[in-house]
């Protein structure tokens, strides 16, 4: 699976962005998808995930109520709607896909930079 994240950019605090993660391959619907982020000088951290079926989503406490993950299996894509953005949300955002046959293995896309100005 190859992943391509996009949609990052510069936004003012309180604004919104929608990130996309496009995946190659025929079996996208079997992969649980996740979003992580890495701020300058910090470790990469979990932000949210959506199960392969799309029925379950989980979020880090820092983004609950502001960010929403969704997926469209027909388009081989996952999305990350980010609302009420804060300067502390500034980071490079990465999407990943969990291999259903090797759950300890994840595929990663390149990151997309989100910058939130105060």
C-alpha atoms as a PDB file:
ATOM      1  CA  UNK A   1       0.000   0.000   0.000  1.00  0.00           C
ATOM      2  CA  UNK A   2       1.252   3.450  -0.885  1.00  0.00           C
ATOM      3  CA  UNK A   3      -0.210   6.462   0.859  1.00  0.00           C
ATOM      4  CA  UNK A   4      -0.301  10.085  -0.253  1.00  0.00           C
ATOM      5  CA  UNK A   5      -1.321  12.730   2.254  1.00  0.00           C
ATOM      6  CA  UNK A   6      -2.396  16.187   1.161  1.00  0.00           C
ATOM      7  CA  UNK A   7      -4.391  19.193   2.258  1.00  0.00           C
ATOM      8  CA  UNK A   8      -2.031  20.858   4.671  1.00  0.00           C
ATOM      9  CA  UNK A   9      -1.424  24.575   4.675  1.00  0.00           C
ATOM     10  CA  UNK A  10      -1.438  27.771   6.653  1.00  0.00           C
ATOM     11  CA  UNK A  11      -4.583  28.694   8.552  1.00  0.00           C
ATOM     12  CA  UNK A  12      -5.467  31.132  11.297  1.00  0.00           C
ATOM     13  CA  UNK A  13      -6.437  29.945  14.744  1.00  0.00           C
ATOM     14  CA  UNK A  14     -10.079  28.957  14.798  1.00  0.00           C
ATOM     15  CA  UNK A  15     -10.022  27.955  11.168  1.00  0.00           C
ATOM     16  CA  UNK A  16     -10.439  24.592   9.496  1.00  0.00           C
ATOM     17  CA  UNK A  17      -8.550  22.287   7.188  1.00  0.00           C
ATOM     18  CA  UNK A  18      -9.367  18.954   5.631  1.00  0.00           C
ATOM     19  CA  UNK A  19      -6.539  16.507   5.118  1.00  0.00           C
ATOM     20  CA  UNK A  20      -6.791  13.657   2.660  1.00  0.00           C
ATOM     21  CA  UNK A  21      -4.927  10.381   2.469  1.00  0.00           C
ATOM     22  CA  UNK A  22      -5.134   8.595  -0.845  1.00  0.00           C
ATOM     23  CA  UNK A  23      -4.124   4.948  -0.943  1.00  0.00           C
ATOM     24  CA  UNK A  24      -3.098   2.693  -3.771  1.00  0.00           C
ATOM     25  CA  UNK A  25      -4.075  -0.946  -3.976  1.00  0.00           C
ATOM     26  CA  UNK A  26      -7.194  -3.031  -4.181  1.00  0.00           C
ATOM     27  CA  UNK A  27      -7.585  -3.841  -0.516  1.00  0.00           C
ATOM     28  CA  UNK A  28      -7.890  -0.394   1.033  1.00  0.00           C
ATOM     29  CA  UNK A  29     -11.182  -1.319   2.668  1.00  0.00           C
ATOM     30  CA  UNK A  30      -9.444  -3.909   4.821  1.00  0.00           C
ATOM     31  CA  UNK A  31      -6.991  -1.435   6.374  1.00  0.00           C
ATOM     32  CA  UNK A  32      -7.597   0.558   9.493  1.00  0.00           C
ATOM     33  CA  UNK A  33      -6.313   4.090   8.923  1.00  0.00           C
ATOM     34  CA  UNK A  34      -4.663   6.426  11.348  1.00  0.00           C
ATOM     35  CA  UNK A  35      -3.385   9.963  11.598  1.00  0.00           C
ATOM     36  CA  UNK A  36      -0.326  11.009  13.554  1.00  0.00           C
ATOM     37  CA  UNK A  37       1.442  14.318  13.846  1.00  0.00           C
ATOM     38  CA  UNK A  38       4.886  15.557  14.708  1.00  0.00           C
ATOM     39  CA  UNK A  39       5.497  19.068  15.918  1.00  0.00           C
ATOM     40  CA  UNK A  40       8.958  20.641  15.684  1.00  0.00           C
ATOM     41  CA  UNK A  41      11.227  19.227  18.346  1.00  0.00           C
ATOM     42  CA  UNK A  42       8.658  16.709  19.518  1.00  0.00           C
ATOM     43  CA  UNK A  43       7.997  13.047  18.994  1.00  0.00           C
ATOM     44  CA  UNK A  44       5.365  11.793  16.624  1.00  0.00           C
ATOM     45  CA  UNK A  45       2.061  11.389  18.408  1.00  0.00           C
ATOM     46  CA  UNK A  46      -1.199   9.607  17.744  1.00  0.00           C
ATOM     47  CA  UNK A  47      -4.098  11.831  16.741  1.00  0.00           C
ATOM     48  CA  UNK A  48      -6.856   9.553  15.531  1.00  0.00           C
ATOM     49  CA  UNK A  49      -7.803   6.332  13.818  1.00  0.00           C
ATOM     50  CA  UNK A  50     -10.714   4.757  11.986  1.00  0.00           C
ATOM     51  CA  UNK A  51     -11.354   1.050  11.725  1.00  0.00           C
ATOM     52  CA  UNK A  52     -11.421  -0.653   8.369  1.00  0.00           C
ATOM     53  CA  UNK A  53     -15.204  -0.841   8.478  1.00  0.00           C
ATOM     54  CA  UNK A  54     -15.507   2.859   9.255  1.00  0.00           C
ATOM     55  CA  UNK A  55     -17.701   2.028  12.221  1.00  0.00           C
ATOM     56  CA  UNK A  56     -15.279   2.975  14.975  1.00  0.00           C
ATOM     57  CA  UNK A  57     -13.132   6.022  15.442  1.00  0.00           C
ATOM     58  CA  UNK A  58     -10.750   6.945  18.235  1.00  0.00           C
ATOM     59  CA  UNK A  59      -9.109  10.267  18.966  1.00  0.00           C
ATOM     60  CA  UNK A  60      -6.444  11.719  21.171  1.00  0.00           C
ATOM     61  CA  UNK A  61      -7.921  13.777  23.969  1.00  0.00           C
ATOM     62  CA  UNK A  62      -6.272  16.893  22.574  1.00  0.00           C
ATOM     63  CA  UNK A  63      -8.407  16.788  19.416  1.00  0.00           C
ATOM     64  CA  UNK A  64     -11.663  15.225  20.560  1.00  0.00           C
ATOM     65  CA  UNK A  65     -14.634  17.287  19.523  1.00  0.00           C
ATOM     66  CA  UNK A  66     -12.586  19.268  17.002  1.00  0.00           C
ATOM     67  CA  UNK A  67     -11.238  16.691  14.548  1.00  0.00           C
ATOM     68  CA  UNK A  68     -13.166  14.032  12.663  1.00  0.00           C
ATOM     69  CA  UNK A  69     -11.854  11.066  10.723  1.00  0.00           C
ATOM     70  CA  UNK A  70     -13.793   9.538   7.873  1.00  0.00           C
ATOM     71  CA  UNK A  71     -13.111   7.280   4.939  1.00  0.00           C
ATOM     72  CA  UNK A  72     -14.490   6.524   1.520  1.00  0.00           C
ATOM     73  CA  UNK A  73     -13.506   3.010   0.567  1.00  0.00           C
ATOM     74  CA  UNK A  74     -14.840   3.475  -2.951  1.00  0.00           C
ATOM     75  CA  UNK A  75     -12.274   6.253  -3.425  1.00  0.00           C
ATOM     76  CA  UNK A  76      -9.479   4.527  -1.502  1.00  0.00           C
ATOM     77  CA  UNK A  77      -9.243   7.583   0.683  1.00  0.00           C
ATOM     78  CA  UNK A  78      -9.341   8.652   4.289  1.00  0.00           C
ATOM     79  CA  UNK A  79      -9.996  12.174   5.492  1.00  0.00           C
ATOM     80  CA  UNK A  80      -9.240  14.245   8.541  1.00  0.00           C
ATOM     81  CA  UNK A  81     -11.503  17.233   9.097  1.00  0.00           C
ATOM     82  CA  UNK A  82      -9.849  19.622  11.505  1.00  0.00           C
ATOM     83  CA  UNK A  83     -11.953  22.406  12.994  1.00  0.00           C
ATOM     84  CA  UNK A  84     -11.273  25.043  15.626  1.00  0.00           C
ATOM     85  CA  UNK A  85      -7.585  24.772  14.946  1.00  0.00           C
ATOM     86  CA  UNK A  86      -5.143  26.001  17.539  1.00  0.00           C
ATOM     87  CA  UNK A  87      -1.505  27.068  17.210  1.00  0.00           C
ATOM     88  CA  UNK A  88      -0.526  23.935  19.130  1.00  0.00           C
ATOM     89  CA  UNK A  89      -1.980  21.860  16.295  1.00  0.00           C
ATOM     90  CA  UNK A  90       0.911  23.021  14.120  1.00  0.00           C
ATOM     91  CA  UNK A  91       2.751  19.911  12.968  1.00  0.00           C
ATOM     92  CA  UNK A  92       3.489  17.630  10.082  1.00  0.00           C
ATOM     93  CA  UNK A  93       0.553  15.248   9.793  1.00  0.00           C
ATOM     94  CA  UNK A  94       1.023  11.681   8.630  1.00  0.00           C
ATOM     95  CA  UNK A  95      -1.468   9.034   7.676  1.00  0.00           C
ATOM     96  CA  UNK A  96      -0.865   5.342   8.108  1.00  0.00           C
ATOM     97  CA  UNK A  97      -2.549   2.069   7.280  1.00  0.00           C
ATOM     98  CA  UNK A  98      -2.487  -1.038   9.432  1.00  0.00           C
ATOM     99  CA  UNK A  99      -1.777  -4.234   7.564  1.00  0.00           C
ATOM    100  CA  UNK A 100      -4.737  -6.542   8.365  1.00  0.00           C
ATOM    101  CA  UNK A 101      -2.548  -9.616   7.865  1.00  0.00           C
ATOM    102  CA  UNK A 102       0.302  -8.299  10.020  1.00  0.00           C
ATOM    103  CA  UNK A 103      -1.307  -5.977  12.581  1.00  0.00           C
ATOM    104  CA  UNK A 104       2.070  -4.910  13.945  1.00  0.00           C
ATOM    105  CA  UNK A 105       3.023  -3.557  10.539  1.00  0.00           C
ATOM    106  CA  UNK A 106       1.992  -0.119   9.353  1.00  0.00           C
ATOM    107  CA  UNK A 107       2.389   1.638   6.052  1.00  0.00           C
ATOM    108  CA  UNK A 108       3.161   5.339   6.190  1.00  0.00           C
ATOM    109  CA  UNK A 109       2.615   8.180   3.795  1.00  0.00           C
ATOM    110  CA  UNK A 110       4.721  11.283   3.537  1.00  0.00           C
ATOM    111  CA  UNK A 111       3.618  14.078   5.804  1.00  0.00           C
ATOM    112  CA  UNK A 112       1.668  17.206   5.061  1.00  0.00           C
ATOM    113  CA  UNK A 113       2.450  20.372   6.995  1.00  0.00           C
ATOM    114  CA  UNK A 114      -0.260  22.171   8.917  1.00  0.00           C
ATOM    115  CA  UNK A 115       0.618  25.585  10.308  1.00  0.00           C
ATOM    116  CA  UNK A 116      -1.825  27.405  12.547  1.00  0.00           C
ATOM    117  CA  UNK A 117      -1.096  31.064  13.182  1.00  0.00           C
ATOM    118  CA  UNK A 118      -2.288  32.882  16.263  1.00  0.00           C
END
